[in-house]
């Protein structure tokens, strides 16, 4: 697992604009290290990137342990591209699958 700071771009397969498969009006936009999901910028401090069993996973984290529970409930905290190419974002309260909309 590799730790990367917020300003480091997310892996290239995740870059771009995505639409929720169940609600096409819900968007996920990844531009460099910035993540916008459902119209809100995700405020995180660093990310952990791993490749396991063919899946690419990015875990979003903050430096303040006292705020971790709230962060986990109000932000996406995990981004995963499965070995089959499906892109999922989730946290402790929801999970969504996204499809690319920018080509």
PDB file of N, CA and C in Angstrom:
ATOM      1  N   UNK A   1       0.849  -1.163   0.000  1.00  0.00           N
ATOM      2  CA  UNK A   1       0.000   0.000   0.000  1.00  0.00           C
ATOM      3  C   UNK A   1       0.902   1.236   0.000  1.00  0.00           C
ATOM      4  N   UNK A   2       0.624   2.136  -0.912  1.00  0.00           N
ATOM      5  CA  UNK A   2       1.430   3.346  -1.046  1.00  0.00           C
ATOM      6  C   UNK A   2       0.655   4.552  -0.531  1.00  0.00           C
ATOM      7  N   UNK A   3       1.283   5.336   0.336  1.00  0.00           N
ATOM      8  CA  UNK A   3       0.658   6.552   0.858  1.00  0.00           C
ATOM      9  C   UNK A   3       1.040   7.720  -0.052  1.00  0.00           C
ATOM     10  N   UNK A   4       0.018   8.452  -0.501  1.00  0.00           N
ATOM     11  CA  UNK A   4       0.221   9.614  -1.364  1.00  0.00           C
ATOM     12  C   UNK A   4      -0.510  10.811  -0.762  1.00  0.00           C
ATOM     13  N   UNK A   5       0.082  11.965  -0.857  1.00  0.00           N
ATOM     14  CA  UNK A   5      -0.546  13.169  -0.334  1.00  0.00           C
ATOM     15  C   UNK A   5      -1.695  13.597  -1.245  1.00  0.00           C
ATOM     16  N   UNK A   6      -2.535  14.485  -0.744  1.00  0.00           N
ATOM     17  CA  UNK A   6      -3.730  14.931  -1.453  1.00  0.00           C
ATOM     18  C   UNK A   6      -3.407  15.483  -2.833  1.00  0.00           C
ATOM     19  N   UNK A   7      -2.329  16.264  -2.956  1.00  0.00           N
ATOM     20  CA  UNK A   7      -2.032  16.909  -4.237  1.00  0.00           C
ATOM     21  C   UNK A   7      -1.470  15.947  -5.284  1.00  0.00           C
ATOM     22  N   UNK A   8      -1.134  14.735  -4.891  1.00  0.00           N
ATOM     23  CA  UNK A   8      -0.676  13.730  -5.857  1.00  0.00           C
ATOM     24  C   UNK A   8      -1.895  13.191  -6.602  1.00  0.00           C
ATOM     25  N   UNK A   9      -1.857  13.171  -7.933  1.00  0.00           N
ATOM     26  CA  UNK A   9      -3.015  12.684  -8.687  1.00  0.00           C
ATOM     27  C   UNK A   9      -3.384  11.238  -8.341  1.00  0.00           C
ATOM     28  N   UNK A  10      -4.682  10.965  -8.399  1.00  0.00           N
ATOM     29  CA  UNK A  10      -5.135   9.585  -8.270  1.00  0.00           C
ATOM     30  C   UNK A  10      -4.669   8.812  -9.503  1.00  0.00           C
ATOM     31  N   UNK A  11      -4.661   7.495  -9.434  1.00  0.00           N
ATOM     32  CA  UNK A  11      -4.225   6.694 -10.590  1.00  0.00           C
ATOM     33  C   UNK A  11      -5.002   7.063 -11.857  1.00  0.00           C
ATOM     34  N   UNK A  12      -4.318   7.019 -12.991  1.00  0.00           N
ATOM     35  CA  UNK A  12      -4.913   7.449 -14.264  1.00  0.00           C
ATOM     36  C   UNK A  12      -6.206   6.719 -14.627  1.00  0.00           C
ATOM     37  N   UNK A  13      -6.389   5.416 -14.305  1.00  0.00           N
ATOM     38  CA  UNK A  13      -7.667   4.786 -14.662  1.00  0.00           C
ATOM     39  C   UNK A  13      -8.882   5.417 -13.975  1.00  0.00           C
ATOM     40  N   UNK A  14      -8.653   6.156 -12.888  1.00  0.00           N
ATOM     41  CA  UNK A  14      -9.761   6.774 -12.154  1.00  0.00           C
ATOM     42  C   UNK A  14     -10.025   8.216 -12.581  1.00  0.00           C
ATOM     43  N   UNK A  15      -9.115   8.806 -13.318  1.00  0.00           N
ATOM     44  CA  UNK A  15      -9.252  10.205 -13.719  1.00  0.00           C
ATOM     45  C   UNK A  15     -10.437  10.380 -14.676  1.00  0.00           C
ATOM     46  N   UNK A  16     -11.115  11.513 -14.546  1.00  0.00           N
ATOM     47  CA  UNK A  16     -12.175  11.837 -15.489  1.00  0.00           C
ATOM     48  C   UNK A  16     -13.529  12.015 -14.833  1.00  0.00           C
ATOM     49  N   UNK A  17     -14.553  12.042 -15.658  1.00  0.00           N
ATOM     50  CA  UNK A  17     -15.930  12.247 -15.210  1.00  0.00           C
ATOM     51  C   UNK A  17     -16.693  10.931 -15.290  1.00  0.00           C
ATOM     52  N   UNK A  18     -17.462  10.675 -14.246  1.00  0.00           N
ATOM     53  CA  UNK A  18     -18.189   9.419 -14.093  1.00  0.00           C
ATOM     54  C   UNK A  18     -19.619   9.713 -13.687  1.00  0.00           C
ATOM     55  N   UNK A  19     -20.522   8.815 -14.025  1.00  0.00           N
ATOM     56  CA  UNK A  19     -21.933   8.953 -13.699  1.00  0.00           C
ATOM     57  C   UNK A  19     -22.387   7.714 -12.932  1.00  0.00           C
ATOM     58  N   UNK A  20     -23.197   7.920 -11.894  1.00  0.00           N
ATOM     59  CA  UNK A  20     -23.745   6.820 -11.110  1.00  0.00           C
ATOM     60  C   UNK A  20     -24.650   5.975 -12.014  1.00  0.00           C
ATOM     61  N   UNK A  21     -24.468   4.674 -11.996  1.00  0.00           N
ATOM     62  CA  UNK A  21     -25.256   3.805 -12.880  1.00  0.00           C
ATOM     63  C   UNK A  21     -26.739   3.815 -12.544  1.00  0.00           C
ATOM     64  N   UNK A  22     -27.103   4.077 -11.282  1.00  0.00           N
ATOM     65  CA  UNK A  22     -28.508   4.092 -10.872  1.00  0.00           C
ATOM     66  C   UNK A  22     -29.124   5.483 -10.922  1.00  0.00           C
ATOM     67  N   UNK A  23     -28.313   6.518 -10.968  1.00  0.00           N
ATOM     68  CA  UNK A  23     -28.794   7.896 -11.003  1.00  0.00           C
ATOM     69  C   UNK A  23     -27.830   8.713 -11.865  1.00  0.00           C
ATOM     70  N   UNK A  24     -28.058   8.733 -13.184  1.00  0.00           N
ATOM     71  CA  UNK A  24     -27.128   9.396 -14.095  1.00  0.00           C
ATOM     72  C   UNK A  24     -26.877  10.876 -13.788  1.00  0.00           C
ATOM     73  N   UNK A  25     -27.753  11.516 -13.006  1.00  0.00           N
ATOM     74  CA  UNK A  25     -27.523  12.913 -12.651  1.00  0.00           C
ATOM     75  C   UNK A  25     -26.470  13.054 -11.549  1.00  0.00           C
ATOM     76  N   UNK A  26     -26.134  11.967 -10.870  1.00  0.00           N
ATOM     77  CA  UNK A  26     -25.107  11.985  -9.823  1.00  0.00           C
ATOM     78  C   UNK A  26     -23.745  11.737 -10.455  1.00  0.00           C
ATOM     79  N   UNK A  27     -22.841  12.666 -10.231  1.00  0.00           N
ATOM     80  CA  UNK A  27     -21.534  12.619 -10.881  1.00  0.00           C
ATOM     81  C   UNK A  27     -20.399  12.440  -9.879  1.00  0.00           C
ATOM     82  N   UNK A  28     -19.351  11.832 -10.361  1.00  0.00           N
ATOM     83  CA  UNK A  28     -18.080  11.707  -9.663  1.00  0.00           C
ATOM     84  C   UNK A  28     -17.031  12.234 -10.625  1.00  0.00           C
ATOM     85  N   UNK A  29     -16.286  13.252 -10.206  1.00  0.00           N
ATOM     86  CA  UNK A  29     -15.263  13.849 -11.063  1.00  0.00           C
ATOM     87  C   UNK A  29     -13.930  13.767 -10.342  1.00  0.00           C
ATOM     88  N   UNK A  30     -12.955  13.189 -11.014  1.00  0.00           N
ATOM     89  CA  UNK A  30     -11.607  13.081 -10.467  1.00  0.00           C
ATOM     90  C   UNK A  30     -10.673  13.834 -11.408  1.00  0.00           C
ATOM     91  N   UNK A  31     -10.063  14.868 -10.859  1.00  0.00           N
ATOM     92  CA  UNK A  31      -9.173  15.731 -11.627  1.00  0.00           C
ATOM     93  C   UNK A  31      -7.890  15.882 -10.835  1.00  0.00           C
ATOM     94  N   UNK A  32      -6.873  15.107 -11.213  1.00  0.00           N
ATOM     95  CA  UNK A  32      -5.625  15.105 -10.452  1.00  0.00           C
ATOM     96  C   UNK A  32      -5.870  14.472  -9.100  1.00  0.00           C
ATOM     97  N   UNK A  33      -5.611  15.239  -8.038  1.00  0.00           N
ATOM     98  CA  UNK A  33      -5.853  14.754  -6.683  1.00  0.00           C
ATOM     99  C   UNK A  33      -7.175  15.226  -6.122  1.00  0.00           C
ATOM    100  N   UNK A  34      -7.930  16.017  -6.899  1.00  0.00           N
ATOM    101  CA  UNK A  34      -9.211  16.536  -6.428  1.00  0.00           C
ATOM    102  C   UNK A  34     -10.342  15.591  -6.811  1.00  0.00           C
ATOM    103  N   UNK A  35     -11.234  15.356  -5.854  1.00  0.00           N
ATOM    104  CA  UNK A  35     -12.374  14.464  -6.057  1.00  0.00           C
ATOM    105  C   UNK A  35     -13.638  15.240  -5.731  1.00  0.00           C
ATOM    106  N   UNK A  36     -14.569  15.267  -6.673  1.00  0.00           N
ATOM    107  CA  UNK A  36     -15.870  15.870  -6.442  1.00  0.00           C
ATOM    108  C   UNK A  36     -16.909  14.775  -6.644  1.00  0.00           C
ATOM    109  N   UNK A  37     -17.719  14.554  -5.610  1.00  0.00           N
ATOM    110  CA  UNK A  37     -18.738  13.502  -5.676  1.00  0.00           C
ATOM    111  C   UNK A  37     -20.066  14.082  -5.218  1.00  0.00           C
ATOM    112  N   UNK A  38     -21.108  13.893  -6.050  1.00  0.00           N
ATOM    113  CA  UNK A  38     -22.448  14.387  -5.742  1.00  0.00           C
ATOM    114  C   UNK A  38     -22.425  15.899  -5.469  1.00  0.00           C
ATOM    115  N   UNK A  39     -21.579  16.629  -6.213  1.00  0.00           N
ATOM    116  CA  UNK A  39     -21.523  18.081  -6.110  1.00  0.00           C
ATOM    117  C   UNK A  39     -20.680  18.613  -4.966  1.00  0.00           C
ATOM    118  N   UNK A  40     -20.058  17.751  -4.181  1.00  0.00           N
ATOM    119  CA  UNK A  40     -19.243  18.175  -3.045  1.00  0.00           C
ATOM    120  C   UNK A  40     -17.792  17.746  -3.248  1.00  0.00           C
ATOM    121  N   UNK A  41     -16.872  18.664  -2.970  1.00  0.00           N
ATOM    122  CA  UNK A  41     -15.460  18.320  -2.998  1.00  0.00           C
ATOM    123  C   UNK A  41     -15.141  17.501  -1.755  1.00  0.00           C
ATOM    124  N   UNK A  42     -14.463  16.387  -1.942  1.00  0.00           N
ATOM    125  CA  UNK A  42     -14.076  15.539  -0.813  1.00  0.00           C
ATOM    126  C   UNK A  42     -12.837  16.144  -0.170  1.00  0.00           C
ATOM    127  N   UNK A  43     -12.966  16.503   1.108  1.00  0.00           N
ATOM    128  CA  UNK A  43     -11.861  17.091   1.859  1.00  0.00           C
ATOM    129  C   UNK A  43     -11.129  15.973   2.593  1.00  0.00           C
ATOM    130  N   UNK A  44     -10.001  15.566   2.056  1.00  0.00           N
ATOM    131  CA  UNK A  44      -9.206  14.509   2.662  1.00  0.00           C
ATOM    132  C   UNK A  44      -7.760  14.973   2.732  1.00  0.00           C
ATOM    133  N   UNK A  45      -6.942  14.302   3.527  1.00  0.00           N
ATOM    134  CA  UNK A  45      -5.553  14.711   3.701  1.00  0.00           C
ATOM    135  C   UNK A  45      -4.569  13.876   2.894  1.00  0.00           C
ATOM    136  N   UNK A  46      -4.834  12.578   2.790  1.00  0.00           N
ATOM    137  CA  UNK A  46      -3.935  11.699   2.037  1.00  0.00           C
ATOM    138  C   UNK A  46      -4.724  10.489   1.562  1.00  0.00           C
ATOM    139  N   UNK A  47      -4.094   9.706   0.704  1.00  0.00           N
ATOM    140  CA  UNK A  47      -4.733   8.508   0.161  1.00  0.00           C
ATOM    141  C   UNK A  47      -3.769   7.335   0.216  1.00  0.00           C
ATOM    142  N   UNK A  48      -4.328   6.161   0.347  1.00  0.00           N
ATOM    143  CA  UNK A  48      -3.572   4.917   0.299  1.00  0.00           C
ATOM    144  C   UNK A  48      -3.974   4.194  -0.976  1.00  0.00           C
ATOM    145  N   UNK A  49      -2.998   3.857  -1.801  1.00  0.00           N
ATOM    146  CA  UNK A  49      -3.259   3.221  -3.089  1.00  0.00           C
ATOM    147  C   UNK A  49      -2.700   1.808  -3.050  1.00  0.00           C
ATOM    148  N   UNK A  50      -3.529   0.857  -3.474  1.00  0.00           N
ATOM    149  CA  UNK A  50      -3.058  -0.528  -3.517  1.00  0.00           C
ATOM    150  C   UNK A  50      -3.632  -1.246  -4.728  1.00  0.00           C
ATOM    151  N   UNK A  51      -2.906  -2.259  -5.165  1.00  0.00           N
ATOM    152  CA  UNK A  51      -3.342  -3.172  -6.222  1.00  0.00           C
ATOM    153  C   UNK A  51      -3.342  -4.559  -5.586  1.00  0.00           C
ATOM    154  N   UNK A  52      -4.537  -5.132  -5.431  1.00  0.00           N
ATOM    155  CA  UNK A  52      -4.637  -6.457  -4.828  1.00  0.00           C
ATOM    156  C   UNK A  52      -5.584  -7.317  -5.638  1.00  0.00           C
ATOM    157  N   UNK A  53      -5.138  -8.496  -6.006  1.00  0.00           N
ATOM    158  CA  UNK A  53      -5.962  -9.453  -6.751  1.00  0.00           C
ATOM    159  C   UNK A  53      -6.599  -8.833  -7.990  1.00  0.00           C
ATOM    160  N   UNK A  54      -5.865  -7.944  -8.653  1.00  0.00           N
ATOM    161  CA  UNK A  54      -6.360  -7.319  -9.872  1.00  0.00           C
ATOM    162  C   UNK A  54      -7.225  -6.097  -9.652  1.00  0.00           C
ATOM    163  N   UNK A  55      -7.494  -5.730  -8.410  1.00  0.00           N
ATOM    164  CA  UNK A  55      -8.311  -4.550  -8.112  1.00  0.00           C
ATOM    165  C   UNK A  55      -7.413  -3.374  -7.737  1.00  0.00           C
ATOM    166  N   UNK A  56      -7.769  -2.201  -8.219  1.00  0.00           N
ATOM    167  CA  UNK A  56      -7.098  -0.957  -7.866  1.00  0.00           C
ATOM    168  C   UNK A  56      -7.949  -0.277  -6.809  1.00  0.00           C
ATOM    169  N   UNK A  57      -7.388  -0.025  -5.636  1.00  0.00           N
ATOM    170  CA  UNK A  57      -8.129   0.567  -4.529  1.00  0.00           C
ATOM    171  C   UNK A  57      -7.441   1.833  -4.047  1.00  0.00           C
ATOM    172  N   UNK A  58      -8.240   2.877  -3.845  1.00  0.00           N
ATOM    173  CA  UNK A  58      -7.761   4.112  -3.235  1.00  0.00           C
ATOM    174  C   UNK A  58      -8.613   4.359  -1.998  1.00  0.00           C
ATOM    175  N   UNK A  59      -7.947   4.447  -0.849  1.00  0.00           N
ATOM    176  CA  UNK A  59      -8.615   4.733   0.419  1.00  0.00           C
ATOM    177  C   UNK A  59      -8.281   6.164   0.811  1.00  0.00           C
ATOM    178  N   UNK A  60      -9.308   6.976   1.030  1.00  0.00           N
ATOM    179  CA  UNK A  60      -9.120   8.373   1.414  1.00  0.00           C
ATOM    180  C   UNK A  60      -9.075   8.468   2.927  1.00  0.00           C
ATOM    181  N   UNK A  61      -8.143   9.274   3.442  1.00  0.00           N
ATOM    182  CA  UNK A  61      -7.932   9.373   4.888  1.00  0.00           C
ATOM    183  C   UNK A  61      -7.728  10.825   5.310  1.00  0.00           C
ATOM    184  N   UNK A  62      -7.925  11.058   6.617  1.00  0.00           N
ATOM    185  CA  UNK A  62      -7.638  12.364   7.201  1.00  0.00           C
ATOM    186  C   UNK A  62      -6.622  12.180   8.328  1.00  0.00           C
ATOM    187  N   UNK A  63      -5.958  13.265   8.692  1.00  0.00           N
ATOM    188  CA  UNK A  63      -4.929  13.204   9.728  1.00  0.00           C
ATOM    189  C   UNK A  63      -5.474  13.319  11.148  1.00  0.00           C
ATOM    190  N   UNK A  64      -6.725  13.706  11.321  1.00  0.00           N
ATOM    191  CA  UNK A  64      -7.295  13.944  12.637  1.00  0.00           C
ATOM    192  C   UNK A  64      -8.136  12.748  13.078  1.00  0.00           C
ATOM    193  N   UNK A  65      -7.603  11.880  13.940  1.00  0.00           N
ATOM    194  CA  UNK A  65      -8.362  10.700  14.372  1.00  0.00           C
ATOM    195  C   UNK A  65      -9.682  11.042  15.062  1.00  0.00           C
ATOM    196  N   UNK A  66      -9.767  12.189  15.718  1.00  0.00           N
ATOM    197  CA  UNK A  66     -10.995  12.577  16.411  1.00  0.00           C
ATOM    198  C   UNK A  66     -12.145  12.839  15.437  1.00  0.00           C
ATOM    199  N   UNK A  67     -11.841  13.163  14.199  1.00  0.00           N
ATOM    200  CA  UNK A  67     -12.860  13.450  13.188  1.00  0.00           C
ATOM    201  C   UNK A  67     -13.108  12.285  12.233  1.00  0.00           C
ATOM    202  N   UNK A  68     -12.443  11.177  12.449  1.00  0.00           N
ATOM    203  CA  UNK A  68     -12.504  10.038  11.523  1.00  0.00           C
ATOM    204  C   UNK A  68     -13.931   9.503  11.345  1.00  0.00           C
ATOM    205  N   UNK A  69     -14.679   9.330  12.422  1.00  0.00           N
ATOM    206  CA  UNK A  69     -16.045   8.790  12.303  1.00  0.00           C
ATOM    207  C   UNK A  69     -16.916   9.679  11.433  1.00  0.00           C
ATOM    208  N   UNK A  70     -16.881  10.975  11.674  1.00  0.00           N
ATOM    209  CA  UNK A  70     -17.676  11.901  10.864  1.00  0.00           C
ATOM    210  C   UNK A  70     -17.220  11.872   9.410  1.00  0.00           C
ATOM    211  N   UNK A  71     -15.913  11.869   9.189  1.00  0.00           N
ATOM    212  CA  UNK A  71     -15.375  11.801   7.830  1.00  0.00           C
ATOM    213  C   UNK A  71     -15.893  10.563   7.105  1.00  0.00           C
ATOM    214  N   UNK A  72     -15.893   9.430   7.784  1.00  0.00           N
ATOM    215  CA  UNK A  72     -16.329   8.160   7.190  1.00  0.00           C
ATOM    216  C   UNK A  72     -17.813   8.180   6.812  1.00  0.00           C
ATOM    217  N   UNK A  73     -18.621   8.965   7.506  1.00  0.00           N
ATOM    218  CA  UNK A  73     -20.058   9.006   7.243  1.00  0.00           C
ATOM    219  C   UNK A  73     -20.454  10.007   6.162  1.00  0.00           C
ATOM    220  N   UNK A  74     -19.690  11.088   6.003  1.00  0.00           N
ATOM    221  CA  UNK A  74     -20.142  12.164   5.105  1.00  0.00           C
ATOM    222  C   UNK A  74     -19.379  12.236   3.786  1.00  0.00           C
ATOM    223  N   UNK A  75     -18.338  11.456   3.611  1.00  0.00           N
ATOM    224  CA  UNK A  75     -17.534  11.485   2.391  1.00  0.00           C
ATOM    225  C   UNK A  75     -17.420  10.093   1.786  1.00  0.00           C
ATOM    226  N   UNK A  76     -17.134  10.043   0.500  1.00  0.00           N
ATOM    227  CA  UNK A  76     -16.697   8.758  -0.024  1.00  0.00           C
ATOM    228  C   UNK A  76     -15.321   8.508   0.590  1.00  0.00           C
ATOM    229  N   UNK A  77     -15.048   7.272   0.902  1.00  0.00           N
ATOM    230  CA  UNK A  77     -13.773   6.950   1.539  1.00  0.00           C
ATOM    231  C   UNK A  77     -12.983   5.899   0.770  1.00  0.00           C
ATOM    232  N   UNK A  78     -13.648   5.211  -0.141  1.00  0.00           N
ATOM    233  CA  UNK A  78     -12.983   4.166  -0.914  1.00  0.00           C
ATOM    234  C   UNK A  78     -13.396   4.268  -2.380  1.00  0.00           C
ATOM    235  N   UNK A  79     -12.428   4.128  -3.245  1.00  0.00           N
ATOM    236  CA  UNK A  79     -12.650   4.054  -4.690  1.00  0.00           C
ATOM    237  C   UNK A  79     -12.003   2.762  -5.159  1.00  0.00           C
ATOM    238  N   UNK A  80     -12.746   1.972  -5.927  1.00  0.00           N
ATOM    239  CA  UNK A  80     -12.222   0.677  -6.364  1.00  0.00           C
ATOM    240  C   UNK A  80     -12.553   0.458  -7.824  1.00  0.00           C
ATOM    241  N   UNK A  81     -11.549   0.056  -8.601  1.00  0.00           N
ATOM    242  CA  UNK A  81     -11.777  -0.465  -9.947  1.00  0.00           C
ATOM    243  C   UNK A  81     -11.505  -1.960  -9.865  1.00  0.00           C
ATOM    244  N   UNK A  82     -12.552  -2.740 -10.114  1.00  0.00           N
ATOM    245  CA  UNK A  82     -12.460  -4.194  -9.998  1.00  0.00           C
ATOM    246  C   UNK A  82     -11.651  -4.768 -11.162  1.00  0.00           C
ATOM    247  N   UNK A  83     -11.228  -6.021 -11.049  1.00  0.00           N
ATOM    248  CA  UNK A  83     -10.534  -6.660 -12.167  1.00  0.00           C
ATOM    249  C   UNK A  83     -11.383  -6.684 -13.441  1.00  0.00           C
ATOM    250  N   UNK A  84     -12.715  -6.639 -13.294  1.00  0.00           N
ATOM    251  CA  UNK A  84     -13.616  -6.635 -14.451  1.00  0.00           C
ATOM    252  C   UNK A  84     -13.811  -5.232 -15.028  1.00  0.00           C
ATOM    253  N   UNK A  85     -13.230  -4.216 -14.392  1.00  0.00           N
ATOM    254  CA  UNK A  85     -13.322  -2.849 -14.897  1.00  0.00           C
ATOM    255  C   UNK A  85     -14.449  -2.020 -14.316  1.00  0.00           C
ATOM    256  N   UNK A  86     -15.185  -2.554 -13.355  1.00  0.00           N
ATOM    257  CA  UNK A  86     -16.245  -1.783 -12.715  1.00  0.00           C
ATOM    258  C   UNK A  86     -15.625  -0.791 -11.735  1.00  0.00           C
ATOM    259  N   UNK A  87     -16.222   0.402 -11.646  1.00  0.00           N
ATOM    260  CA  UNK A  87     -15.716   1.450 -10.763  1.00  0.00           C
ATOM    261  C   UNK A  87     -16.740   1.707  -9.666  1.00  0.00           C
ATOM    262  N   UNK A  88     -16.324   1.525  -8.427  1.00  0.00           N
ATOM    263  CA  UNK A  88     -17.201   1.684  -7.276  1.00  0.00           C
ATOM    264  C   UNK A  88     -16.638   2.721  -6.323  1.00  0.00           C
ATOM    265  N   UNK A  89     -17.533   3.478  -5.695  1.00  0.00           N
ATOM    266  CA  UNK A  89     -17.174   4.416  -4.631  1.00  0.00           C
ATOM    267  C   UNK A  89     -18.105   4.128  -3.464  1.00  0.00           C
ATOM    268  N   UNK A  90     -17.557   4.176  -2.247  1.00  0.00           N
ATOM    269  CA  UNK A  90     -18.406   3.883  -1.099  1.00  0.00           C
ATOM    270  C   UNK A  90     -17.847   4.474   0.188  1.00  0.00           C
ATOM    271  N   UNK A  91     -18.677   4.411   1.220  1.00  0.00           N
ATOM    272  CA  UNK A  91     -18.280   4.729   2.590  1.00  0.00           C
ATOM    273  C   UNK A  91     -19.084   3.824   3.512  1.00  0.00           C
ATOM    274  N   UNK A  92     -19.200   4.188   4.769  1.00  0.00           N
ATOM    275  CA  UNK A  92     -19.905   3.329   5.714  1.00  0.00           C
ATOM    276  C   UNK A  92     -21.414   3.337   5.519  1.00  0.00           C
ATOM    277  N   UNK A  93     -21.953   4.311   4.764  1.00  0.00           N
ATOM    278  CA  UNK A  93     -23.401   4.437   4.601  1.00  0.00           C
ATOM    279  C   UNK A  93     -23.927   4.103   3.213  1.00  0.00           C
ATOM    280  N   UNK A  94     -23.093   4.080   2.193  1.00  0.00           N
ATOM    281  CA  UNK A  94     -23.591   3.839   0.848  1.00  0.00           C
ATOM    282  C   UNK A  94     -22.493   3.254  -0.045  1.00  0.00           C
ATOM    283  N   UNK A  95     -22.934   2.748  -1.179  1.00  0.00           N
ATOM    284  CA  UNK A  95     -22.023   2.294  -2.232  1.00  0.00           C
ATOM    285  C   UNK A  95     -22.676   2.612  -3.565  1.00  0.00           C
ATOM    286  N   UNK A  96     -21.871   3.052  -4.526  1.00  0.00           N
ATOM    287  CA  UNK A  96     -22.372   3.356  -5.868  1.00  0.00           C
ATOM    288  C   UNK A  96     -21.401   2.819  -6.901  1.00  0.00           C
ATOM    289  N   UNK A  97     -21.959   2.432  -8.040  1.00  0.00           N
ATOM    290  CA  UNK A  97     -21.133   2.054  -9.187  1.00  0.00           C
ATOM    291  C   UNK A  97     -21.213   3.188 -10.199  1.00  0.00           C
ATOM    292  N   UNK A  98     -20.096   3.508 -10.819  1.00  0.00           N
ATOM    293  CA  UNK A  98     -20.019   4.609 -11.773  1.00  0.00           C
ATOM    294  C   UNK A  98     -19.542   4.119 -13.128  1.00  0.00           C
ATOM    295  N   UNK A  99     -20.020   4.812 -14.179  1.00  0.00           N
ATOM    296  CA  UNK A  99     -19.540   4.553 -15.543  1.00  0.00           C
ATOM    297  C   UNK A  99     -18.944   5.845 -16.081  1.00  0.00           C
ATOM    298  N   UNK A 100     -17.936   5.692 -16.917  1.00  0.00           N
ATOM    299  CA  UNK A 100     -17.240   6.857 -17.499  1.00  0.00           C
ATOM    300  C   UNK A 100     -18.174   7.606 -18.446  1.00  0.00           C
ATOM    301  N   UNK A 101     -18.145   8.944 -18.357  1.00  0.00           N
ATOM    302  CA  UNK A 101     -18.979   9.752 -19.251  1.00  0.00           C
ATOM    303  C   UNK A 101     -18.159  10.690 -20.116  1.00  0.00           C
ATOM    304  N   UNK A 102     -16.837  10.656 -19.959  1.00  0.00           N
ATOM    305  CA  UNK A 102     -16.014  11.579 -20.740  1.00  0.00           C
ATOM    306  C   UNK A 102     -15.130  10.875 -21.769  1.00  0.00           C
ATOM    307  N   UNK A 103     -15.663   9.833 -22.328  1.00  0.00           N
ATOM    308  CA  UNK A 103     -14.940   9.201 -23.417  1.00  0.00           C
ATOM    309  C   UNK A 103     -14.304   7.934 -23.054  1.00  0.00           C
TER     310      UNK A 103
END
